[in-house]
Amino acid sequence: MISPAKTLLLISSLFLAALPVATVQGDEKVAWDPETQKLDFKLKELSGVLNLDHENPRFSTHHFSEVRHTPTGMLLSPDDGKMKHVGLLNFFRVLISGGYLTELRAEKPVVKPEKDGVTLTYLPTIRRQAKVVIRFTFREPNIIDMDMAVETLANFSGFEVLLSAYLAEGFVSGAYVAEKEFGEETVPEQIRITDQPMIHGVWPFFPRDEAGANLLTDGRHQKGRWYWRMAIGRRYGMPMAFFSKGEVDVLLMGRPEDVYAVGATYEGDAENDSIAAHRSLYLSLLGEDLPAGKGRRTRMRMIVGEFGSNPGKHAALYGAFLKEFESEPRSFQINPTE
């Protein structure tokens, strides 16, 4: 049997040669204003504002707005929509088996501007006895990379961080499921998600496997605020979901070892249906037992471009992401002096 990762790399290899190589930009691509706590980024094909002012009236203390695909001028962030208060991209809930700890996007991090992005450090709290460090890096021509490190100070069962993204009006969701539900080989099949009686009023999620499906329904999402229920779909074919509008696609992806489920809201009556109005994507990260003193690291990527919802181009972009970080360790030793 061919492994899922090898299957995806075979699919993507035909397209990799035609894609530009992403490189880290210089200082001129990122401008940090310490007074307003805003970071402006301007890449060749992507621009926007990351607001890190915790006193702002929004729900997210790391809030992306004014994000545009610059070649077309298309607005990506939900600046005028129902989800304008949370912005384009944020780290949402921290969850454990059957339980809820906090929302990172509601907490105040320690902010460290970088030449190509910003690092956010969420120091441990009584509610969340784990240190979480997130680095956003803006890369030419159209990439927002995310590097997340978790250091646990207590024992946690099924520890999860939920990454979420919200799009402007007019975008339609898509995901990749396994062509065959059973078997070791995973061939991705692109699907669109539309409202229907079977999933109406609940949130569609696609688990990596049966263990992932069990985590989604263990009660963790019925705790805290904004509780919700999931519609468990087929197992995912790639840990990636996307929204498209015309030829422009917004892709959100992670490593298969570290994404236990992918979520995407359905297309429906956004005027009367809150779920359809969210226009959101989710990556359920980690979902594993972490003992005290464990260091875990993972990578995620958002990429925007005129890919025309082409499955081959999507697979190539995902294959390039995997290849870039395949040798990066997923765990690290905690230094008690840091």
Protein backbone atom coordinates (compact mmCIF):
# COMPACT_ATOMS: atom_id res chain seq x y z
CA MET A 1 0.00 0.00 0.00
CA ILE A 2 1.13 3.57 -0.73
CA SER A 3 1.07 5.82 2.32
CA PRO A 4 -1.21 8.91 2.30
CA ALA A 5 1.76 11.28 2.30
CA LYS A 6 3.41 9.51 -0.66
CA THR A 7 0.11 9.48 -2.57
CA LEU A 8 -0.22 13.26 -2.17
CA LEU A 9 3.38 13.89 -3.18
CA LEU A 10 2.90 11.81 -6.33
CA ILE A 11 -0.21 13.80 -7.23
CA SER A 12 1.49 17.12 -6.60
CA SER A 13 4.83 16.39 -8.28
CA LEU A 14 3.44 17.11 -11.75
CA PHE A 15 2.68 20.70 -10.75
CA LEU A 16 5.55 21.67 -8.46
CA ALA A 17 7.93 22.78 -11.19
CA ALA A 18 5.52 25.45 -12.39
CA LEU A 19 5.02 27.08 -8.98
CA PRO A 20 7.09 30.00 -7.67
CA VAL A 21 9.31 29.36 -4.66
CA ALA A 22 8.28 31.33 -1.57
CA THR A 23 11.00 33.38 0.07
CA VAL A 24 11.01 35.40 3.27
CA GLN A 25 10.69 39.10 2.51
CA GLY A 26 12.78 41.92 3.86
CA ASP A 27 11.87 44.69 6.25
CA GLU A 28 10.04 46.71 3.61
CA LYS A 29 7.26 44.11 3.39
CA VAL A 30 6.25 44.43 7.06
CA ALA A 31 5.73 47.67 8.98
CA TRP A 32 5.16 47.64 12.75
CA ASP A 33 3.62 50.62 14.58
CA PRO A 34 4.30 50.30 18.33
CA GLU A 35 1.82 53.05 19.21
CA THR A 36 -1.21 51.52 17.50
CA GLN A 37 0.04 47.92 17.91
CA LYS A 38 -0.66 47.32 14.23
CA LEU A 39 1.39 45.40 11.70
CA ASP A 40 0.91 46.26 8.02
CA PHE A 41 2.04 43.64 5.53
CA LYS A 42 2.36 44.12 1.80
CA LEU A 43 3.44 41.23 -0.38
CA LYS A 44 3.29 41.08 -4.16
CA GLU A 45 -0.07 39.32 -4.10
CA LEU A 46 -1.34 39.79 -0.54
CA SER A 47 -1.72 42.79 1.77
CA GLY A 48 -3.51 43.62 5.00
CA VAL A 49 -3.37 44.69 8.63
CA LEU A 50 -2.81 42.61 11.76
CA ASN A 51 -4.15 44.51 14.80
CA LEU A 52 -2.62 43.38 18.10
CA ASP A 53 -4.10 46.08 20.31
CA HIS A 54 -5.85 44.15 23.10
CA GLU A 55 -7.88 47.23 24.00
CA ASN A 56 -9.67 47.21 20.65
CA PRO A 57 -13.39 46.38 20.82
CA ARG A 58 -13.09 43.29 18.63
CA PHE A 59 -13.33 39.72 19.87
CA SER A 60 -9.85 38.78 18.66
CA THR A 61 -6.66 40.25 20.10
CA HIS A 62 -4.86 39.15 16.93
CA HIS A 63 -7.19 40.55 14.30
CA PHE A 64 -6.59 40.45 10.52
CA SER A 65 -8.49 43.06 8.47
CA GLU A 66 -8.22 44.88 5.13
CA VAL A 67 -6.71 41.70 3.69
CA ARG A 68 -6.76 41.75 -0.10
CA HIS A 69 -5.56 39.70 -3.03
CA THR A 70 -3.65 42.60 -4.59
CA PRO A 71 -3.62 41.52 -8.29
CA THR A 72 -7.45 41.58 -8.34
CA GLY A 73 -8.08 43.95 -5.43
CA MET A 74 -10.46 41.35 -3.99
CA LEU A 75 -11.27 41.73 -0.28
CA LEU A 76 -10.66 38.50 1.63
CA SER A 77 -11.29 39.43 5.26
CA PRO A 78 -14.89 39.73 6.54
CA ASP A 79 -14.63 43.47 7.21
CA ASP A 80 -18.25 44.18 6.35
CA GLY A 81 -19.76 40.85 7.34
CA LYS A 82 -21.10 39.04 10.39
CA MET A 83 -17.62 37.91 11.44
CA LYS A 84 -15.81 41.25 11.13
CA HIS A 85 -15.14 41.22 14.89
CA VAL A 86 -12.85 38.17 14.63
CA GLY A 87 -11.13 38.94 11.33
CA LEU A 88 -9.63 36.71 8.67
CA LEU A 89 -7.47 34.35 10.72
CA ASN A 90 -7.06 33.51 14.41
CA PHE A 91 -6.28 30.84 16.97
CA PHE A 92 -9.62 30.14 18.61
CA ARG A 93 -10.26 27.53 21.28
CA VAL A 94 -7.97 25.48 23.49
CA LEU A 95 -9.70 22.20 24.35
CA ILE A 96 -9.09 18.91 26.14
CA SER A 97 -10.96 15.61 26.31
CA GLY A 98 -14.53 16.50 27.13
CA GLY A 99 -13.52 19.98 28.23
CA TYR A 100 -12.77 23.59 27.37
CA LEU A 101 -9.86 25.68 28.67
CA THR A 102 -9.94 29.07 26.94
CA GLU A 103 -9.92 31.07 23.71
CA LEU A 104 -6.47 32.27 22.68
CA ARG A 105 -7.98 35.00 20.52
CA ALA A 106 -9.54 36.49 23.67
CA GLU A 107 -6.27 36.53 25.64
CA LYS A 108 -3.53 39.15 25.63
CA PRO A 109 -0.23 37.75 24.35
CA VAL A 110 3.29 39.10 24.70
CA VAL A 111 4.00 40.63 21.30
CA LYS A 112 7.43 40.54 19.66
CA PRO A 113 7.69 42.14 16.20
CA GLU A 114 9.95 40.30 13.75
CA LYS A 115 11.51 41.50 10.49
CA ASP A 116 9.14 39.28 8.51
CA GLY A 117 6.18 38.93 10.88
CA VAL A 118 5.38 38.74 14.58
CA THR A 119 5.64 36.29 17.48
CA LEU A 120 2.83 36.00 20.04
CA THR A 121 3.57 34.33 23.39
CA TYR A 122 0.65 33.21 25.56
CA LEU A 123 2.12 32.64 29.00
CA PRO A 124 0.51 29.93 31.16
CA THR A 125 -2.53 30.81 33.24
CA ILE A 126 -4.47 29.00 35.95
CA ARG A 127 -7.12 28.17 33.34
CA ARG A 128 -4.59 27.13 30.67
CA GLN A 129 -1.51 25.55 32.22
CA ALA A 130 0.42 25.52 28.98
CA LYS A 131 2.62 28.04 27.22
CA VAL A 132 1.65 28.64 23.60
CA VAL A 133 3.93 30.49 21.17
CA ILE A 134 2.65 31.41 17.71
CA ARG A 135 4.75 33.00 14.99
CA PHE A 136 3.13 34.58 11.93
CA THR A 137 5.52 34.92 8.97
CA PHE A 138 4.60 36.77 5.76
CA ARG A 139 6.26 35.26 2.71
CA GLU A 140 6.37 36.26 -0.91
CA PRO A 141 4.33 36.31 -2.92
CA ASN A 142 1.12 35.22 -1.15
CA ILE A 143 1.72 33.22 2.03
CA ILE A 144 0.98 33.57 5.74
CA ASP A 145 2.90 30.87 7.59
CA MET A 146 2.13 29.90 11.18
CA ASP A 147 4.50 28.12 13.55
CA MET A 148 2.94 26.99 16.84
CA ALA A 149 4.82 25.61 19.85
CA VAL A 150 3.09 24.26 22.97
CA GLU A 151 4.77 23.61 26.34
CA THR A 152 2.58 21.86 28.91
CA LEU A 153 2.90 22.36 32.66
CA ALA A 154 0.23 19.82 33.56
CA ASN A 155 -1.06 16.53 32.15
CA PHE A 156 -3.67 16.99 29.42
CA SER A 157 -5.75 14.39 27.64
CA GLY A 158 -6.71 15.13 24.05
CA PHE A 159 -5.12 18.61 24.03
CA GLU A 160 -6.25 20.70 21.07
CA VAL A 161 -5.81 24.17 19.62
CA LEU A 162 -8.45 25.16 17.06
CA LEU A 163 -7.30 27.39 14.19
CA SER A 164 -10.07 29.31 12.41
CA ALA A 165 -10.42 31.50 9.31
CA TYR A 166 -13.34 33.66 8.14
CA LEU A 167 -13.91 34.99 4.63
CA ALA A 168 -15.67 37.94 3.03
CA GLU A 169 -19.05 37.67 1.32
CA GLY A 170 -19.20 35.79 -1.97
CA PHE A 171 -16.70 33.05 -1.10
CA VAL A 172 -17.76 29.40 -1.37
CA SER A 173 -16.22 26.60 0.72
CA GLY A 174 -14.52 23.42 -0.40
CA ALA A 175 -12.64 20.51 1.18
CA TYR A 176 -10.78 17.33 0.25
CA VAL A 177 -12.12 13.98 1.41
CA ALA A 178 -10.72 10.50 0.86
CA GLU A 179 -12.04 8.99 -2.35
CA LYS A 180 -12.46 5.70 -0.48
CA GLU A 181 -13.53 5.73 3.15
CA PHE A 182 -11.56 2.60 4.08
CA GLY A 183 -8.03 1.48 3.26
CA GLU A 184 -4.53 2.80 3.81
CA GLU A 185 -4.25 4.59 0.46
CA THR A 186 -5.75 8.09 0.50
CA VAL A 187 -6.64 9.68 -2.83
CA PRO A 188 -8.10 13.17 -2.25
CA GLU A 189 -11.43 14.11 -3.80
CA GLN A 190 -12.52 17.74 -3.91
CA ILE A 191 -16.05 18.45 -2.67
CA ARG A 192 -18.22 21.52 -2.20
CA ILE A 193 -20.29 21.82 0.95
CA THR A 194 -23.87 23.00 0.57
CA ASP A 195 -26.73 23.18 3.05
CA GLN A 196 -29.02 20.14 3.21
CA PRO A 197 -31.35 18.69 5.86
CA MET A 198 -28.75 16.19 7.11
CA ILE A 199 -26.25 18.88 8.13
CA HIS A 200 -28.44 21.96 8.52
CA GLY A 201 -27.75 23.78 11.78
CA VAL A 202 -24.52 21.90 12.60
CA TRP A 203 -20.90 22.38 11.59
CA PRO A 204 -19.40 20.03 8.95
CA PHE A 205 -16.08 18.49 9.99
CA PHE A 206 -13.98 15.83 8.27
CA PRO A 207 -11.80 13.75 10.62
CA ARG A 208 -8.46 12.15 9.82
CA ASP A 209 -9.67 8.80 11.15
CA GLU A 210 -12.09 7.21 13.63
CA ALA A 211 -10.10 8.46 16.59
CA GLY A 212 -10.46 12.00 15.26
CA ALA A 213 -14.20 11.54 14.85
CA ASN A 214 -14.42 10.43 18.48
CA LEU A 215 -12.58 13.55 19.66
CA LEU A 216 -15.00 15.82 17.80
CA THR A 217 -17.93 14.30 19.66
CA ASP A 218 -16.44 13.82 23.14
CA GLY A 219 -18.23 16.88 24.53
CA ARG A 220 -15.37 19.37 24.23
CA HIS A 221 -17.32 21.61 21.86
CA GLN A 222 -20.33 21.86 24.18
CA LYS A 223 -18.29 23.68 26.84
CA GLY A 224 -17.40 27.35 27.27
CA ARG A 225 -19.02 30.00 25.12
CA TRP A 226 -19.96 29.62 21.46
CA TYR A 227 -20.65 25.90 21.93
CA TRP A 228 -21.60 23.97 18.81
CA ARG A 229 -22.26 20.52 17.37
CA MET A 230 -20.46 18.85 14.47
CA ALA A 231 -21.74 16.95 11.47
CA ILE A 232 -19.10 14.23 11.05
CA GLY A 233 -18.32 13.73 7.37
CA ARG A 234 -16.02 11.43 5.45
CA ARG A 235 -12.36 11.22 6.47
CA TYR A 236 -10.29 13.97 4.94
CA GLY A 237 -8.11 13.38 1.88
CA MET A 238 -5.81 16.27 2.69
CA PRO A 239 -5.67 18.33 5.91
CA MET A 240 -6.69 21.38 3.94
CA ALA A 241 -9.86 23.35 3.23
CA PHE A 242 -10.44 26.36 1.02
CA PHE A 243 -12.78 29.11 -0.04
CA SER A 244 -13.04 30.37 -3.60
CA LYS A 245 -14.52 33.36 -5.38
CA GLY A 246 -14.10 33.41 -9.11
CA GLU A 247 -10.53 32.34 -9.82
CA VAL A 248 -9.23 33.37 -6.38
CA ASP A 249 -8.73 30.64 -3.77
CA VAL A 250 -7.85 30.97 -0.07
CA LEU A 251 -6.28 27.73 1.19
CA LEU A 252 -5.64 26.75 4.82
CA MET A 253 -3.49 23.67 5.44
CA GLY A 254 -1.54 21.80 8.12
CA ARG A 255 0.58 18.69 8.65
CA PRO A 256 -1.38 15.41 8.53
CA GLU A 257 0.26 14.15 11.74
CA ASP A 258 -0.99 17.23 13.59
CA VAL A 259 -4.42 17.95 12.08
CA TYR A 260 -6.99 15.50 13.42
CA ALA A 261 -9.95 17.14 11.65
CA VAL A 262 -10.79 19.81 9.06
CA GLY A 263 -13.94 21.93 9.20
CA ALA A 264 -15.70 24.13 6.65
CA THR A 265 -19.11 25.77 6.84
CA TYR A 266 -21.72 25.05 4.20
CA GLU A 267 -23.03 27.41 1.55
CA GLY A 268 -26.59 28.43 2.35
CA ASP A 269 -28.92 31.27 3.25
CA ALA A 270 -26.42 33.60 4.91
CA GLU A 271 -29.12 36.15 5.71
CA ASN A 272 -30.99 33.74 8.00
CA ASP A 273 -28.47 30.98 8.80
CA SER A 274 -25.63 31.83 11.18
CA ILE A 275 -23.49 28.89 10.08
CA ALA A 276 -23.67 29.86 6.40
CA ALA A 277 -22.94 33.47 7.39
CA HIS A 278 -19.72 32.44 9.16
CA ARG A 279 -17.99 31.44 5.88
CA SER A 280 -15.32 29.77 8.01
CA LEU A 281 -12.61 27.12 7.88
CA TYR A 282 -11.10 25.20 10.81
CA LEU A 283 -8.07 23.04 11.54
CA SER A 284 -8.32 20.92 14.71
CA LEU A 285 -4.67 20.77 15.81
CA LEU A 286 -2.93 18.07 17.86
CA GLY A 287 -5.81 16.33 19.70
CA GLU A 288 -3.38 14.17 21.63
CA ASP A 289 -2.33 13.40 25.21
CA LEU A 290 0.38 15.77 26.40
CA PRO A 291 2.09 15.05 29.73
CA ALA A 292 3.59 17.82 31.86
CA GLY A 293 6.92 18.90 30.41
CA LYS A 294 6.05 18.05 26.81
CA GLY A 295 7.08 20.34 23.96
CA ARG A 296 5.07 20.07 20.70
CA ARG A 297 5.45 22.02 17.53
CA THR A 298 3.52 22.19 14.28
CA ARG A 299 3.15 24.29 11.14
CA MET A 300 0.17 25.71 9.26
CA ARG A 301 -0.08 27.79 6.10
CA MET A 302 -2.58 30.10 4.44
CA ILE A 303 -1.95 30.75 0.76
CA VAL A 304 -3.96 32.94 -1.62
CA GLY A 305 -3.90 32.96 -5.41
CA GLU A 306 -5.69 32.59 -8.70
CA PHE A 307 -5.76 28.80 -8.70
CA GLY A 308 -9.29 28.43 -10.10
CA SER A 309 -10.21 25.71 -7.56
CA ASN A 310 -7.92 23.36 -9.49
CA PRO A 311 -7.31 20.17 -7.45
CA GLY A 312 -3.94 19.57 -9.07
CA LYS A 313 -2.67 23.04 -8.19
CA HIS A 314 -4.00 22.67 -4.65
CA ALA A 315 -2.24 19.32 -4.27
CA ALA A 316 1.00 20.84 -5.57
CA LEU A 317 0.83 23.69 -3.08
CA TYR A 318 0.15 21.26 -0.28
CA GLY A 319 2.96 18.96 -1.43
CA ALA A 320 5.40 21.89 -1.41
CA PHE A 321 4.30 22.79 2.12
CA LEU A 322 4.84 19.20 3.32
CA LYS A 323 8.24 18.93 1.68
CA GLU A 324 9.46 22.18 3.19
CA PHE A 325 8.80 21.07 6.76
CA GLU A 326 9.05 17.27 6.53
CA SER A 327 12.37 17.15 8.39
CA GLU A 328 11.39 19.65 11.09
CA PRO A 329 11.03 18.01 14.53
CA ARG A 330 7.50 17.91 15.91
CA SER A 331 8.63 17.80 19.54
CA PHE A 332 11.26 19.68 21.53
CA GLN A 333 12.89 19.72 24.94
CA ILE A 334 11.55 22.31 27.36
CA ASN A 335 14.10 24.66 28.91
CA PRO A 336 13.02 25.51 32.50
CA THR A 337 14.97 28.80 32.39
CA GLU A 338 12.99 30.22 29.46
